[in-house]
N, C-alpha and C. Protein backbone atom coordinates (compact mmCIF):
# COMPACT_ATOMS: atom_id res chain seq x y z
N MET A 1 0.85 -1.16 0.00
CA MET A 1 0.00 0.00 0.00
C MET A 1 0.90 1.23 0.00
N GLY A 2 0.66 2.17 -0.92
CA GLY A 2 1.49 3.35 -1.06
C GLY A 2 1.02 4.50 -0.18
N LEU A 3 1.75 5.59 -0.24
CA LEU A 3 1.44 6.77 0.57
C LEU A 3 0.06 7.31 0.22
N LEU A 4 -0.22 7.42 -1.07
CA LEU A 4 -1.52 7.95 -1.47
C LEU A 4 -2.65 7.04 -1.01
N ASP A 5 -2.45 5.73 -1.08
CA ASP A 5 -3.47 4.79 -0.59
C ASP A 5 -3.71 4.98 0.89
N ASN A 6 -2.64 5.20 1.65
CA ASN A 6 -2.78 5.44 3.09
C ASN A 6 -3.55 6.72 3.36
N VAL A 7 -3.22 7.76 2.61
CA VAL A 7 -3.90 9.04 2.79
C VAL A 7 -5.37 8.89 2.44
N LYS A 8 -5.67 8.19 1.32
CA LYS A 8 -7.06 7.96 0.93
C LYS A 8 -7.81 7.21 2.01
N LYS A 9 -7.18 6.19 2.53
CA LYS A 9 -7.83 5.37 3.54
C LYS A 9 -8.12 6.21 4.78
N ASN A 10 -7.12 7.04 5.21
CA ASN A 10 -7.30 7.87 6.40
C ASN A 10 -8.33 8.96 6.20
N LEU A 11 -8.49 9.41 4.96
CA LEU A 11 -9.48 10.44 4.67
C LEU A 11 -10.84 9.85 4.36
N GLY A 12 -10.92 8.53 4.28
CA GLY A 12 -12.19 7.87 4.04
C GLY A 12 -12.58 7.82 2.57
N PHE A 13 -11.61 7.86 1.66
CA PHE A 13 -11.91 7.82 0.24
C PHE A 13 -11.66 6.46 -0.39
N GLY A 14 -11.24 5.48 0.35
CA GLY A 14 -10.95 4.17 -0.21
C GLY A 14 -12.24 3.41 -0.52
N GLY A 15 -12.25 2.59 -1.60
CA GLY A 15 -13.36 1.71 -1.93
C GLY A 15 -14.58 2.41 -2.49
N LYS A 16 -14.49 3.62 -3.01
CA LYS A 16 -15.61 4.34 -3.59
C LYS A 16 -15.72 4.02 -5.07
N GLY A 17 -16.74 4.54 -5.73
CA GLY A 17 -16.95 4.32 -7.15
C GLY A 17 -15.86 4.97 -7.98
N ALA A 18 -15.86 4.74 -9.28
CA ALA A 18 -14.81 5.23 -10.17
C ALA A 18 -14.78 6.75 -10.21
N ASP A 19 -15.95 7.40 -10.29
CA ASP A 19 -15.98 8.86 -10.34
C ASP A 19 -15.51 9.45 -9.03
N GLU A 20 -15.99 8.89 -7.93
CA GLU A 20 -15.59 9.39 -6.62
C GLU A 20 -14.12 9.12 -6.36
N GLY A 21 -13.61 7.99 -6.87
CA GLY A 21 -12.20 7.64 -6.67
C GLY A 21 -11.28 8.64 -7.33
N SER A 22 -11.61 9.09 -8.54
CA SER A 22 -10.75 10.06 -9.21
C SER A 22 -10.79 11.40 -8.49
N GLU A 23 -11.97 11.75 -7.94
CA GLU A 23 -12.07 12.98 -7.16
C GLU A 23 -11.24 12.86 -5.89
N ALA A 24 -11.28 11.70 -5.26
CA ALA A 24 -10.51 11.47 -4.05
C ALA A 24 -9.02 11.54 -4.34
N THR A 25 -8.61 10.99 -5.49
CA THR A 25 -7.19 11.04 -5.85
C THR A 25 -6.75 12.48 -6.02
N SER A 26 -7.60 13.32 -6.62
CA SER A 26 -7.28 14.73 -6.80
C SER A 26 -7.14 15.41 -5.44
N VAL A 27 -8.08 15.13 -4.53
CA VAL A 27 -8.01 15.70 -3.19
C VAL A 27 -6.76 15.21 -2.47
N ASP A 28 -6.45 13.90 -2.63
CA ASP A 28 -5.27 13.33 -1.99
C ASP A 28 -4.00 13.99 -2.50
N ARG A 29 -3.92 14.17 -3.81
CA ARG A 29 -2.72 14.80 -4.37
C ARG A 29 -2.58 16.24 -3.88
N THR A 30 -3.69 16.94 -3.79
CA THR A 30 -3.65 18.31 -3.28
C THR A 30 -3.16 18.31 -1.84
N ALA A 31 -3.67 17.39 -1.04
CA ALA A 31 -3.26 17.31 0.36
C ALA A 31 -1.79 16.96 0.47
N VAL A 32 -1.33 16.03 -0.36
CA VAL A 32 0.08 15.63 -0.32
C VAL A 32 0.96 16.79 -0.77
N ASN A 33 0.55 17.48 -1.85
CA ASN A 33 1.33 18.63 -2.32
C ASN A 33 1.39 19.72 -1.25
N GLN A 34 0.27 19.97 -0.60
CA GLN A 34 0.24 20.98 0.45
C GLN A 34 1.15 20.57 1.61
N ALA A 35 1.12 19.30 1.97
CA ALA A 35 1.98 18.82 3.05
C ALA A 35 3.45 18.97 2.68
N ALA A 36 3.79 18.69 1.43
CA ALA A 36 5.18 18.84 0.98
C ALA A 36 5.60 20.31 1.01
N GLN A 37 4.70 21.19 0.58
CA GLN A 37 5.01 22.62 0.62
C GLN A 37 5.18 23.11 2.06
N ASP A 38 4.33 22.64 2.94
CA ASP A 38 4.43 23.02 4.34
C ASP A 38 5.75 22.54 4.94
N ALA A 39 6.14 21.31 4.63
CA ALA A 39 7.40 20.77 5.14
C ALA A 39 8.59 21.58 4.62
N ALA A 40 8.54 21.96 3.34
CA ALA A 40 9.62 22.77 2.77
C ALA A 40 9.69 24.14 3.44
N ALA A 41 8.55 24.74 3.72
CA ALA A 41 8.52 26.05 4.38
C ALA A 41 9.09 25.96 5.78
N VAL A 42 8.78 24.88 6.49
CA VAL A 42 9.32 24.69 7.83
C VAL A 42 10.84 24.56 7.78
N GLU A 43 11.35 23.82 6.80
CA GLU A 43 12.80 23.67 6.66
C GLU A 43 13.46 25.00 6.38
N VAL A 44 12.89 25.81 5.48
CA VAL A 44 13.44 27.12 5.16
C VAL A 44 13.42 28.01 6.38
N SER A 45 12.30 28.02 7.10
CA SER A 45 12.17 28.84 8.29
C SER A 45 13.21 28.45 9.34
N ALA A 46 13.41 27.17 9.53
CA ALA A 46 14.40 26.71 10.51
C ALA A 46 15.81 27.11 10.10
N SER A 47 16.11 27.02 8.81
CA SER A 47 17.46 27.39 8.37
C SER A 47 17.67 28.89 8.48
N GLU A 48 16.63 29.69 8.19
CA GLU A 48 16.75 31.14 8.34
C GLU A 48 16.94 31.51 9.81
N ARG A 49 16.21 30.84 10.69
CA ARG A 49 16.34 31.12 12.12
C ARG A 49 17.74 30.76 12.60
N ALA A 50 18.26 29.63 12.13
CA ALA A 50 19.60 29.22 12.52
C ALA A 50 20.64 30.23 12.04
N ALA A 51 20.46 30.73 10.82
CA ALA A 51 21.40 31.73 10.29
C ALA A 51 21.32 33.02 11.10
N ALA A 52 20.13 33.43 11.48
CA ALA A 52 19.97 34.64 12.28
C ALA A 52 20.59 34.47 13.66
N GLU A 53 20.41 33.29 14.26
CA GLU A 53 21.01 33.03 15.57
C GLU A 53 22.53 33.03 15.49
N THR A 54 23.07 32.47 14.42
CA THR A 54 24.52 32.46 14.23
C THR A 54 25.05 33.88 14.08
N ALA A 55 24.36 34.70 13.29
CA ALA A 55 24.78 36.08 13.09
C ALA A 55 24.70 36.87 14.40
N ALA A 56 23.66 36.63 15.19
CA ALA A 56 23.52 37.33 16.46
C ALA A 56 24.62 36.92 17.44
N ALA A 57 24.95 35.64 17.46
CA ALA A 57 26.02 35.17 18.33
C ALA A 57 27.36 35.78 17.92
N GLN A 58 27.59 35.86 16.62
CA GLN A 58 28.83 36.45 16.12
C GLN A 58 28.89 37.94 16.48
N ALA A 59 27.79 38.64 16.34
CA ALA A 59 27.75 40.06 16.69
C ALA A 59 28.01 40.25 18.18
N ALA A 60 27.46 39.36 19.00
CA ALA A 60 27.68 39.44 20.45
C ALA A 60 29.16 39.22 20.78
N ARG A 61 29.78 38.24 20.10
CA ARG A 61 31.21 38.00 20.33
C ARG A 61 32.04 39.22 19.92
N GLN A 62 31.69 39.82 18.78
CA GLN A 62 32.41 41.01 18.33
C GLN A 62 32.25 42.16 19.33
N GLN A 63 31.04 42.33 19.84
CA GLN A 63 30.81 43.40 20.80
C GLN A 63 31.57 43.15 22.09
N GLU A 64 31.60 41.89 22.56
CA GLU A 64 32.36 41.56 23.77
C GLU A 64 33.84 41.84 23.57
N ALA A 65 34.37 41.48 22.39
CA ALA A 65 35.78 41.74 22.10
C ALA A 65 36.06 43.24 22.07
N ALA A 66 35.14 44.00 21.48
CA ALA A 66 35.32 45.45 21.41
C ALA A 66 35.25 46.07 22.80
N ASP A 67 34.32 45.59 23.63
CA ASP A 67 34.21 46.10 24.99
C ASP A 67 35.47 45.79 25.79
N ALA A 68 35.99 44.59 25.63
CA ALA A 68 37.21 44.21 26.34
C ALA A 68 38.39 45.07 25.88
N ALA A 69 38.48 45.30 24.56
CA ALA A 69 39.57 46.13 24.04
C ALA A 69 39.46 47.55 24.55
N ALA A 70 38.25 48.09 24.59
CA ALA A 70 38.06 49.46 25.08
C ALA A 70 38.36 49.54 26.58
N ALA A 71 37.95 48.54 27.33
CA ALA A 71 38.23 48.53 28.77
C ALA A 71 39.73 48.47 29.02
N GLN A 72 40.43 47.65 28.23
CA GLN A 72 41.88 47.54 28.38
C GLN A 72 42.54 48.88 28.02
N GLU A 73 42.11 49.49 26.95
CA GLU A 73 42.68 50.77 26.54
C GLU A 73 42.39 51.84 27.60
N ALA A 74 41.18 51.82 28.15
CA ALA A 74 40.83 52.78 29.19
C ALA A 74 41.69 52.57 30.43
N ALA A 75 41.89 51.31 30.80
CA ALA A 75 42.73 51.01 31.96
C ALA A 75 44.16 51.47 31.71
N ASN A 76 44.66 51.29 30.50
CA ASN A 76 46.01 51.74 30.16
C ASN A 76 46.14 53.25 30.26
N GLU A 77 45.05 53.96 29.98
CA GLU A 77 45.07 55.42 30.03
C GLU A 77 44.63 55.95 31.38
N GLY A 78 44.32 55.06 32.32
CA GLY A 78 43.92 55.45 33.66
C GLY A 78 42.49 55.94 33.75
N LEU A 79 41.64 55.56 32.79
CA LEU A 79 40.24 55.96 32.80
C LEU A 79 39.37 54.86 33.38
N ASP A 80 38.20 55.24 33.85
CA ASP A 80 37.21 54.27 34.31
C ASP A 80 36.60 53.62 33.07
N PRO A 81 36.63 52.26 32.96
CA PRO A 81 36.09 51.59 31.77
C PRO A 81 34.61 51.89 31.50
N GLU A 82 33.88 52.33 32.53
CA GLU A 82 32.47 52.64 32.36
C GLU A 82 32.23 54.11 32.04
N ALA A 83 33.29 54.91 31.92
CA ALA A 83 33.14 56.33 31.64
C ALA A 83 32.53 56.55 30.26
N PRO A 84 31.72 57.60 30.10
CA PRO A 84 31.06 57.84 28.82
C PRO A 84 32.02 58.01 27.64
N GLU A 85 33.20 58.56 27.91
CA GLU A 85 34.13 58.77 26.79
C GLU A 85 34.76 57.48 26.30
N VAL A 86 34.62 56.39 27.04
CA VAL A 86 35.19 55.11 26.63
C VAL A 86 34.29 54.42 25.60
N ARG A 87 33.00 54.66 25.63
CA ARG A 87 32.04 53.98 24.75
C ARG A 87 32.36 54.18 23.27
N PRO A 88 32.66 55.41 22.82
CA PRO A 88 33.01 55.56 21.40
C PRO A 88 34.25 54.75 21.01
N GLN A 89 35.18 54.59 21.94
CA GLN A 89 36.37 53.79 21.66
C GLN A 89 35.97 52.33 21.46
N ALA A 90 35.02 51.85 22.24
CA ALA A 90 34.57 50.46 22.10
C ALA A 90 33.90 50.26 20.75
N GLU A 91 33.09 51.21 20.35
CA GLU A 91 32.42 51.09 19.05
C GLU A 91 33.43 51.13 17.91
N GLU A 92 34.42 52.01 18.03
CA GLU A 92 35.46 52.09 17.00
C GLU A 92 36.26 50.78 16.93
N ALA A 93 36.57 50.22 18.07
CA ALA A 93 37.31 48.95 18.10
C ALA A 93 36.49 47.83 17.47
N ALA A 94 35.17 47.82 17.71
CA ALA A 94 34.31 46.79 17.12
C ALA A 94 34.26 46.92 15.61
N ILE A 95 34.19 48.15 15.12
CA ILE A 95 34.16 48.37 13.67
C ILE A 95 35.47 47.93 13.03
N GLU A 96 36.58 48.26 13.67
CA GLU A 96 37.89 47.84 13.15
C GLU A 96 38.02 46.32 13.14
N ALA A 97 37.55 45.67 14.21
CA ALA A 97 37.64 44.21 14.29
C ALA A 97 36.77 43.57 13.21
N ALA A 98 35.60 44.13 12.98
CA ALA A 98 34.70 43.59 11.95
C ALA A 98 35.29 43.79 10.57
N ALA A 99 35.91 44.94 10.34
CA ALA A 99 36.50 45.20 9.03
C ALA A 99 37.64 44.22 8.75
N GLY A 100 38.40 43.89 9.77
CA GLY A 100 39.51 42.94 9.60
C GLY A 100 39.03 41.53 9.34
N SER A 101 37.84 41.18 9.83
CA SER A 101 37.33 39.82 9.66
C SER A 101 36.44 39.68 8.44
N GLY A 102 36.13 40.80 7.78
CA GLY A 102 35.27 40.75 6.61
C GLY A 102 33.79 40.62 6.97
N GLN A 103 33.45 40.77 8.23
CA GLN A 103 32.07 40.65 8.70
C GLN A 103 31.49 42.04 8.89
N PRO A 104 30.18 42.17 8.83
CA PRO A 104 29.57 43.47 9.09
C PRO A 104 29.79 43.86 10.55
N GLY A 105 29.83 45.15 10.82
CA GLY A 105 30.07 45.65 12.17
C GLY A 105 28.90 45.34 13.09
N PRO A 106 29.07 45.65 14.37
CA PRO A 106 28.02 45.37 15.34
C PRO A 106 26.82 46.28 15.08
N VAL A 107 25.68 45.80 15.49
CA VAL A 107 24.46 46.59 15.36
C VAL A 107 24.38 47.51 16.57
N ALA A 108 24.19 48.79 16.31
CA ALA A 108 24.12 49.77 17.40
C ALA A 108 22.84 49.54 18.20
N PRO A 109 22.92 49.68 19.52
CA PRO A 109 21.72 49.52 20.31
C PRO A 109 20.72 50.63 19.96
N ARG A 110 19.45 50.32 20.04
CA ARG A 110 18.43 51.30 19.69
C ARG A 110 18.32 52.33 20.79
N VAL A 111 18.39 53.61 20.41
CA VAL A 111 18.26 54.71 21.36
C VAL A 111 16.78 54.87 21.67
N THR A 112 16.43 54.94 22.95
CA THR A 112 15.03 55.07 23.33
C THR A 112 14.74 56.41 24.00
N GLU A 113 15.76 57.09 24.48
CA GLU A 113 15.59 58.39 25.11
C GLU A 113 16.67 59.34 24.64
N VAL A 114 16.33 60.63 24.60
CA VAL A 114 17.26 61.66 24.16
C VAL A 114 17.20 62.79 25.18
N VAL A 115 18.35 63.30 25.57
CA VAL A 115 18.40 64.47 26.44
C VAL A 115 18.52 65.69 25.55
N VAL A 116 17.60 66.63 25.72
CA VAL A 116 17.56 67.84 24.91
C VAL A 116 18.78 68.69 25.23
N GLU A 117 19.43 69.17 24.17
CA GLU A 117 20.58 70.06 24.31
C GLU A 117 20.21 71.44 23.78
N GLN A 118 21.02 72.43 24.11
CA GLN A 118 20.79 73.80 23.67
C GLN A 118 20.65 73.84 22.15
N GLY A 119 19.59 74.47 21.65
CA GLY A 119 19.37 74.61 20.21
C GLY A 119 18.59 73.47 19.58
N ASP A 120 18.28 72.42 20.34
CA ASP A 120 17.50 71.30 19.79
C ASP A 120 16.05 71.71 19.58
N THR A 121 15.44 71.11 18.57
CA THR A 121 14.01 71.26 18.33
C THR A 121 13.43 69.87 18.17
N MET A 122 12.12 69.78 18.35
CA MET A 122 11.47 68.47 18.18
C MET A 122 11.66 67.96 16.76
N SER A 123 11.53 68.86 15.77
CA SER A 123 11.69 68.41 14.38
C SER A 123 13.13 68.00 14.11
N GLY A 124 14.08 68.70 14.69
CA GLY A 124 15.49 68.34 14.50
C GLY A 124 15.81 66.99 15.13
N ILE A 125 15.26 66.74 16.32
CA ILE A 125 15.49 65.45 16.99
C ILE A 125 14.83 64.33 16.19
N ALA A 126 13.61 64.58 15.70
CA ALA A 126 12.91 63.57 14.90
C ALA A 126 13.74 63.22 13.66
N ALA A 127 14.27 64.24 12.99
CA ALA A 127 15.09 63.99 11.80
C ALA A 127 16.39 63.28 12.15
N GLN A 128 17.02 63.67 13.24
CA GLN A 128 18.29 63.08 13.65
C GLN A 128 18.16 61.59 13.95
N TYR A 129 17.06 61.20 14.57
CA TYR A 129 16.88 59.80 14.96
C TYR A 129 15.97 59.03 14.02
N GLY A 130 15.54 59.68 12.94
CA GLY A 130 14.76 58.99 11.92
C GLY A 130 13.39 58.54 12.38
N VAL A 131 12.74 59.38 13.19
CA VAL A 131 11.40 59.06 13.66
C VAL A 131 10.42 60.11 13.14
N ASP A 132 9.16 59.77 13.13
CA ASP A 132 8.12 60.68 12.68
C ASP A 132 7.90 61.76 13.73
N LEU A 133 7.84 63.03 13.29
CA LEU A 133 7.65 64.14 14.21
C LEU A 133 6.36 63.99 15.00
N GLY A 134 5.26 63.65 14.33
CA GLY A 134 3.98 63.47 15.02
C GLY A 134 4.05 62.39 16.09
N ALA A 135 4.75 61.30 15.77
CA ALA A 135 4.88 60.20 16.74
C ALA A 135 5.74 60.65 17.93
N LEU A 136 6.79 61.44 17.67
CA LEU A 136 7.63 61.95 18.75
C LEU A 136 6.82 62.86 19.67
N ILE A 137 6.03 63.75 19.09
CA ILE A 137 5.20 64.66 19.88
C ILE A 137 4.18 63.85 20.69
N ALA A 138 3.53 62.88 20.06
CA ALA A 138 2.52 62.07 20.75
C ALA A 138 3.14 61.26 21.89
N THR A 139 4.33 60.72 21.66
CA THR A 139 4.99 59.90 22.69
C THR A 139 5.33 60.73 23.92
N ASN A 140 5.60 62.02 23.72
CA ASN A 140 6.02 62.88 24.83
C ASN A 140 4.95 63.87 25.27
N ALA A 141 3.71 63.66 24.85
CA ALA A 141 2.63 64.59 25.16
C ALA A 141 2.42 64.76 26.66
N ASP A 142 2.70 63.71 27.44
CA ASP A 142 2.49 63.81 28.89
C ASP A 142 3.54 64.66 29.58
N THR A 143 4.73 64.80 29.00
CA THR A 143 5.79 65.58 29.65
C THR A 143 6.13 66.87 28.90
N VAL A 144 5.68 66.99 27.65
CA VAL A 144 5.96 68.19 26.85
C VAL A 144 4.62 68.75 26.37
N PRO A 145 4.03 69.67 27.16
CA PRO A 145 2.73 70.19 26.77
C PRO A 145 2.77 71.02 25.49
N ASN A 146 3.88 71.72 25.25
CA ASN A 146 4.01 72.55 24.06
C ASN A 146 5.25 72.08 23.29
N PRO A 147 5.09 71.37 22.18
CA PRO A 147 6.24 70.84 21.45
C PRO A 147 7.15 71.93 20.87
N ASP A 148 6.67 73.19 20.83
CA ASP A 148 7.51 74.28 20.35
C ASP A 148 8.44 74.80 21.45
N ARG A 149 8.23 74.33 22.67
CA ARG A 149 9.06 74.79 23.80
C ARG A 149 9.64 73.58 24.53
N ILE A 150 10.85 73.23 24.14
CA ILE A 150 11.59 72.20 24.88
C ILE A 150 12.84 72.85 25.45
N TYR A 151 13.34 72.29 26.52
CA TYR A 151 14.43 72.93 27.24
C TYR A 151 15.61 71.97 27.40
N PRO A 152 16.83 72.52 27.43
CA PRO A 152 18.01 71.68 27.66
C PRO A 152 17.85 70.92 28.98
N GLY A 153 18.19 69.64 28.90
CA GLY A 153 18.09 68.77 30.07
C GLY A 153 16.83 67.94 30.09
N GLN A 154 15.82 68.32 29.31
CA GLN A 154 14.60 67.51 29.23
C GLN A 154 14.93 66.17 28.60
N VAL A 155 14.26 65.13 29.03
CA VAL A 155 14.44 63.80 28.46
C VAL A 155 13.22 63.50 27.61
N LEU A 156 13.46 63.23 26.33
CA LEU A 156 12.38 62.87 25.41
C LEU A 156 12.48 61.38 25.09
N ARG A 157 11.32 60.72 25.09
CA ARG A 157 11.25 59.31 24.70
C ARG A 157 11.07 59.23 23.20
N LEU A 158 11.80 58.34 22.54
CA LEU A 158 11.63 58.14 21.11
C LEU A 158 10.58 57.07 20.86
N PRO A 159 9.73 57.27 19.85
CA PRO A 159 8.71 56.26 19.55
C PRO A 159 9.32 55.00 18.97
């Protein structure tokens, strides 16, 4: 008994008349084709997920190496490794390490808050961070009653 016969039997199409049998075979083939397509999609999805996990692990290793290099350089210069001025050095080290390995650089963490500086405007901040001005205003409506008046030191949330 073949695969199609098993499927027919399980679907209740076995032992029917000639006309019904050909209809059942068509339904069986459709079901088998759909099952094969579903199995192929699952395989593709699993391989894409594995590739994404591998890339994420590699990016994490690159970032750890960059952080370690920046911490070492900061220690050599007598700086606190957690000091704000050390962070750009870590990012630069990660980019250099990625360039040497032929891999893309680390993905920058997503900025979620911005401290307003002298001369900043809501539209300028929206443009700088690539967010919609209306969404920026709406996100900060509870803390910024007038979007035309923001002050240095204010913290704005990015949408």
